[in-house]
Amino acid sequence: MQRNGPCPSGDIPQDRHSKSGFHASTQCSLSSDAIVTQTRLTLASGLCIASVPNIMSALVGMIKTANKEIVRMKKMGLIVAGFGLAAAAAFAQMVGDRGQETLDFGGGKVSVEYGRPALAGRDVKAMLQPGMEWRMGSNAATTLTTDVDLKFGSTTIGKGKYILKAKFVEEGKWLLLVGQDDKTVAEVPMTPGSNASPVEQVTIKLEKQGNGAKLTVAWGSLNVSASFQKA
């Protein structure tokens, strides 16, 4: 619909050569579509202005939340670092609490490296179950290293590194298990003995015995040993 006449309030006459492409005179000519468009722009502008405080408030809230999250992450970082230091200290203590026994034997050396757990009031025999295999220490495996061939009973093992375990068969009966590459290469009967007093930490001894030698494990009231010779 076309309307001619004086411009209504709010209408601004355009210059005859306006860049917008509209031609105007002292009288205003506006279509209904132009009026609707102008109304929408006015409303949108008002809404944008009205929304500024809300937007600013939301931004302030986001900044506060971000700052709280940064503080929380810093605290978590300190906690994680604390746990890391505690774990490192425990690991250092665990690694350091190991024993080593070495014996000059048969023109070479035989040595055993093992963990040394403390008894701490426990009863070793109460912890034993028939068929149980014990690593003869704690944490990392107990190892036997030899640079000479050895003979355990009727079984000969070559120079190298082996894993040792003790198997509790039944009361008064133990076996020394010598393993390599996840295989048991020798099973040697162990002889029960006694300790003059309870041994607080696991202790393994290598000592010469006649033409051979023996390995003795003691902990609490437990004392068992196995003999070996140079092959």
Protein backbone atom coordinates (compact mmCIF):
# COMPACT_ATOMS: atom_id res chain seq x y z
CA MET A 1 0.00 0.00 0.00
CA GLN A 2 1.37 3.43 -0.97
CA ARG A 3 0.92 6.51 1.17
CA ASN A 4 1.65 10.11 0.02
CA GLY A 5 1.70 13.20 2.17
CA PRO A 6 3.65 14.68 5.03
CA CYS A 7 6.04 12.35 6.79
CA PRO A 8 4.71 10.81 9.96
CA SER A 9 6.67 11.32 13.16
CA GLY A 10 9.98 9.43 13.01
CA ASP A 11 10.19 9.38 9.19
CA ILE A 12 13.22 11.17 7.84
CA PRO A 13 13.00 12.55 4.26
CA GLN A 14 15.78 11.26 2.07
CA ASP A 15 17.88 13.41 -0.25
CA ARG A 16 16.83 13.06 -3.87
CA HIS A 17 20.24 11.57 -4.74
CA SER A 18 20.63 9.33 -1.68
CA LYS A 19 22.96 6.35 -2.01
CA SER A 20 20.19 4.12 -0.72
CA GLY A 21 18.50 4.42 -4.11
CA PHE A 22 15.28 5.83 -2.71
CA HIS A 23 13.81 8.99 -4.25
CA ALA A 24 12.14 11.37 -1.86
CA SER A 25 10.65 14.84 -1.92
CA THR A 26 9.26 17.06 0.76
CA GLN A 27 6.51 14.49 1.05
CA CYS A 28 7.25 10.97 2.36
CA SER A 29 6.33 7.84 0.48
CA LEU A 30 6.67 4.59 2.56
CA SER A 31 5.34 1.18 1.82
CA SER A 32 3.84 -1.09 4.49
CA ASP A 33 6.88 -3.41 4.18
CA ALA A 34 9.23 -0.51 4.96
CA ILE A 35 7.20 0.39 8.05
CA VAL A 36 7.36 -3.22 9.32
CA THR A 37 11.11 -3.38 8.70
CA GLN A 38 11.70 -0.10 10.52
CA THR A 39 9.61 -1.33 13.46
CA ARG A 40 11.60 -4.58 13.68
CA LEU A 41 14.92 -2.72 13.65
CA THR A 42 13.73 -0.42 16.41
CA LEU A 43 12.58 -3.33 18.56
CA ALA A 44 15.82 -5.27 17.95
CA SER A 45 17.88 -2.27 18.93
CA GLY A 46 15.91 -1.88 22.11
CA LEU A 47 16.27 -5.55 22.96
CA CYS A 48 20.03 -5.41 22.36
CA ILE A 49 20.37 -2.40 24.64
CA ALA A 50 18.22 -4.07 27.29
CA SER A 51 20.32 -7.25 27.06
CA VAL A 52 23.67 -5.55 27.76
CA PRO A 53 23.35 -5.69 31.59
CA ASN A 54 22.41 -9.38 31.42
CA ILE A 55 25.35 -10.15 29.13
CA MET A 56 27.75 -8.28 31.42
CA SER A 57 26.39 -10.11 34.44
CA ALA A 58 26.82 -13.46 32.67
CA LEU A 59 30.42 -12.58 31.70
CA VAL A 60 31.25 -11.63 35.30
CA GLY A 61 29.78 -14.94 36.47
CA MET A 62 31.83 -16.87 33.93
CA ILE A 63 35.04 -15.10 35.00
CA LYS A 64 34.35 -15.88 38.67
CA THR A 65 33.69 -19.54 37.84
CA ALA A 66 36.90 -19.74 35.79
CA ASN A 67 38.90 -18.24 38.67
CA LYS A 68 37.42 -20.78 41.11
CA GLU A 69 38.27 -23.61 38.70
CA ILE A 70 41.88 -22.38 38.40
CA VAL A 71 42.21 -22.31 42.21
CA ARG A 72 40.70 -25.82 42.44
CA MET A 73 43.09 -27.16 39.79
CA LYS A 74 46.06 -25.62 41.61
CA LYS A 75 44.96 -27.31 44.83
CA MET A 76 44.53 -30.63 43.01
CA GLY A 77 47.99 -30.18 41.52
CA LEU A 78 49.46 -29.73 45.00
CA ILE A 79 47.61 -32.80 46.26
CA VAL A 80 48.79 -34.91 43.33
CA ALA A 81 52.34 -33.66 43.84
CA GLY A 82 52.07 -34.61 47.53
CA PHE A 83 50.91 -38.10 46.65
CA GLY A 84 53.73 -38.37 44.13
CA LEU A 85 56.33 -37.42 46.74
CA ALA A 86 54.86 -39.87 49.26
CA ALA A 87 54.83 -42.67 46.67
CA ALA A 88 58.40 -41.88 45.68
CA ALA A 89 59.50 -41.98 49.31
CA ALA A 90 57.71 -45.29 49.88
CA PHE A 91 59.22 -46.71 46.70
CA ALA A 92 62.71 -45.57 47.72
CA GLN A 93 62.27 -47.22 51.11
CA MET A 94 60.93 -50.38 49.47
CA VAL A 95 63.81 -50.59 46.99
CA GLY A 96 66.42 -49.78 49.63
CA ASP A 97 65.16 -52.40 52.08
CA ARG A 98 66.84 -55.32 50.35
CA GLY A 99 69.66 -57.63 51.32
CA GLN A 100 72.46 -59.30 49.42
CA GLU A 101 74.60 -62.26 50.40
CA THR A 102 77.72 -63.24 48.45
CA LEU A 103 79.95 -66.31 48.76
CA ASP A 104 83.30 -67.06 47.08
CA PHE A 105 82.79 -70.61 45.95
CA GLY A 106 84.38 -73.06 43.49
CA GLY A 107 86.65 -70.43 41.95
CA GLY A 108 83.77 -68.04 41.37
CA LYS A 109 81.05 -66.11 43.15
CA VAL A 110 77.52 -67.05 44.18
CA SER A 111 75.17 -64.31 45.37
CA VAL A 112 71.56 -63.95 46.47
CA GLU A 113 69.57 -60.70 46.36
CA TYR A 114 66.25 -60.49 48.23
CA GLY A 115 63.67 -58.27 49.96
CA ARG A 116 63.65 -58.04 53.75
CA PRO A 117 60.14 -57.66 55.19
CA ALA A 118 59.80 -57.18 58.95
CA LEU A 119 57.91 -59.63 61.14
CA ALA A 120 56.10 -56.80 62.99
CA GLY A 121 54.50 -59.15 65.52
CA ARG A 122 53.19 -61.64 62.96
CA ASP A 123 53.41 -65.41 63.30
CA VAL A 124 55.12 -66.88 60.22
CA LYS A 125 53.72 -70.35 60.76
CA ALA A 126 50.19 -68.98 61.03
CA MET A 127 50.61 -67.46 57.55
CA LEU A 128 51.66 -70.74 55.93
CA GLN A 129 49.30 -72.92 53.93
CA PRO A 130 50.24 -76.32 52.42
CA GLY A 131 51.24 -75.92 48.78
CA MET A 132 52.11 -72.25 49.22
CA GLU A 133 55.10 -70.91 47.30
CA TRP A 134 56.99 -68.12 49.05
CA ARG A 135 59.37 -65.76 47.27
CA MET A 136 61.68 -65.85 50.33
CA GLY A 137 61.39 -62.11 50.79
CA SER A 138 59.14 -59.31 49.55
CA ASN A 139 58.49 -57.07 46.54
CA ALA A 140 60.90 -58.00 43.72
CA ALA A 141 61.77 -61.68 43.34
CA THR A 142 64.64 -63.29 45.22
CA THR A 143 67.44 -64.05 42.77
CA LEU A 144 70.47 -66.33 42.71
CA THR A 145 73.38 -65.31 40.50
CA THR A 146 76.34 -67.62 39.91
CA ASP A 147 79.38 -67.52 37.64
CA VAL A 148 80.12 -71.21 38.21
CA ASP A 149 77.98 -74.27 37.48
CA LEU A 150 76.19 -75.57 40.57
CA LYS A 151 74.64 -78.86 41.52
CA PHE A 152 71.50 -79.00 43.67
CA GLY A 153 70.89 -82.64 44.59
CA SER A 154 71.00 -84.50 41.30
CA THR A 155 70.24 -81.43 39.19
CA THR A 156 72.95 -79.24 37.66
CA ILE A 157 72.32 -75.60 36.81
CA GLY A 158 74.67 -73.59 34.63
CA LYS A 159 76.14 -70.21 35.43
CA GLY A 160 73.59 -67.43 35.17
CA LYS A 161 70.73 -65.79 37.05
CA TYR A 162 67.82 -67.69 38.63
CA ILE A 163 64.71 -66.98 40.67
CA LEU A 164 64.39 -68.69 44.05
CA LYS A 165 61.21 -69.68 45.88
CA ALA A 166 60.49 -71.87 48.86
CA LYS A 167 57.48 -74.20 48.74
CA PHE A 168 55.77 -75.25 51.96
CA VAL A 169 54.58 -78.81 51.37
CA GLU A 170 53.49 -79.68 54.91
CA GLU A 171 54.71 -79.32 58.47
CA GLY A 172 58.47 -79.97 58.51
CA LYS A 173 58.71 -80.36 54.72
CA TRP A 174 59.94 -77.66 52.35
CA LEU A 175 61.30 -77.51 48.80
CA LEU A 176 63.68 -74.96 47.28
CA LEU A 177 62.48 -74.08 43.78
CA VAL A 178 65.11 -72.83 41.33
CA GLY A 179 63.57 -71.22 38.26
CA GLN A 180 64.56 -69.56 35.03
CA ASP A 181 62.44 -68.19 32.16
CA ASP A 182 59.22 -69.01 34.05
CA LYS A 183 60.25 -72.66 34.39
CA THR A 184 61.34 -74.59 37.47
CA VAL A 185 64.71 -76.15 36.65
CA ALA A 186 65.39 -77.72 40.05
CA GLU A 187 63.47 -78.80 43.17
CA VAL A 188 65.67 -79.33 46.20
CA PRO A 189 64.54 -80.66 49.61
CA MET A 190 65.13 -78.16 52.40
CA THR A 191 66.17 -79.14 55.91
CA PRO A 192 64.24 -77.55 58.84
CA GLY A 193 66.35 -75.94 61.55
CA SER A 194 65.88 -73.52 64.42
CA ASN A 195 66.81 -69.98 65.42
CA ALA A 196 68.30 -69.03 68.78
CA SER A 197 65.77 -66.17 68.88
CA PRO A 198 63.05 -64.88 66.52
CA VAL A 199 64.51 -63.20 63.43
CA GLU A 200 62.74 -59.87 62.85
CA GLN A 201 63.65 -59.42 59.17
CA VAL A 202 64.02 -62.11 56.52
CA THR A 203 67.67 -63.13 56.44
CA ILE A 204 69.36 -65.34 53.84
CA LYS A 205 72.87 -66.70 54.41
CA LEU A 206 75.32 -68.46 52.12
CA GLU A 207 78.05 -70.42 53.87
CA LYS A 208 80.49 -73.18 53.08
CA GLN A 209 79.73 -76.66 54.35
CA GLY A 210 82.35 -79.39 53.82
CA ASN A 211 83.07 -79.61 50.08
CA GLY A 212 79.93 -77.73 49.26
CA ALA A 213 77.82 -74.91 50.62
CA LYS A 214 74.33 -74.23 51.90
CA LEU A 215 71.67 -71.56 51.61
CA THR A 216 69.70 -70.79 54.78
CA VAL A 217 66.51 -68.74 55.08
CA ALA A 218 65.40 -67.48 58.50
CA TRP A 219 62.39 -65.42 59.54
CA GLY A 220 60.67 -65.40 62.91
CA SER A 221 60.91 -68.98 64.16
CA LEU A 222 61.28 -70.34 60.61
CA ASN A 223 64.65 -71.76 59.57
CA VAL A 224 65.14 -73.91 56.46
CA SER A 225 68.23 -74.63 54.37
CA ALA A 226 69.31 -76.34 51.14
CA SER A 227 72.75 -77.69 50.20
CA PHE A 228 74.55 -77.35 46.87
CA GLN A 229 77.92 -78.18 45.36
CA LYS A 230 80.11 -77.10 42.50
CA ALA A 231 79.15 -79.10 39.40
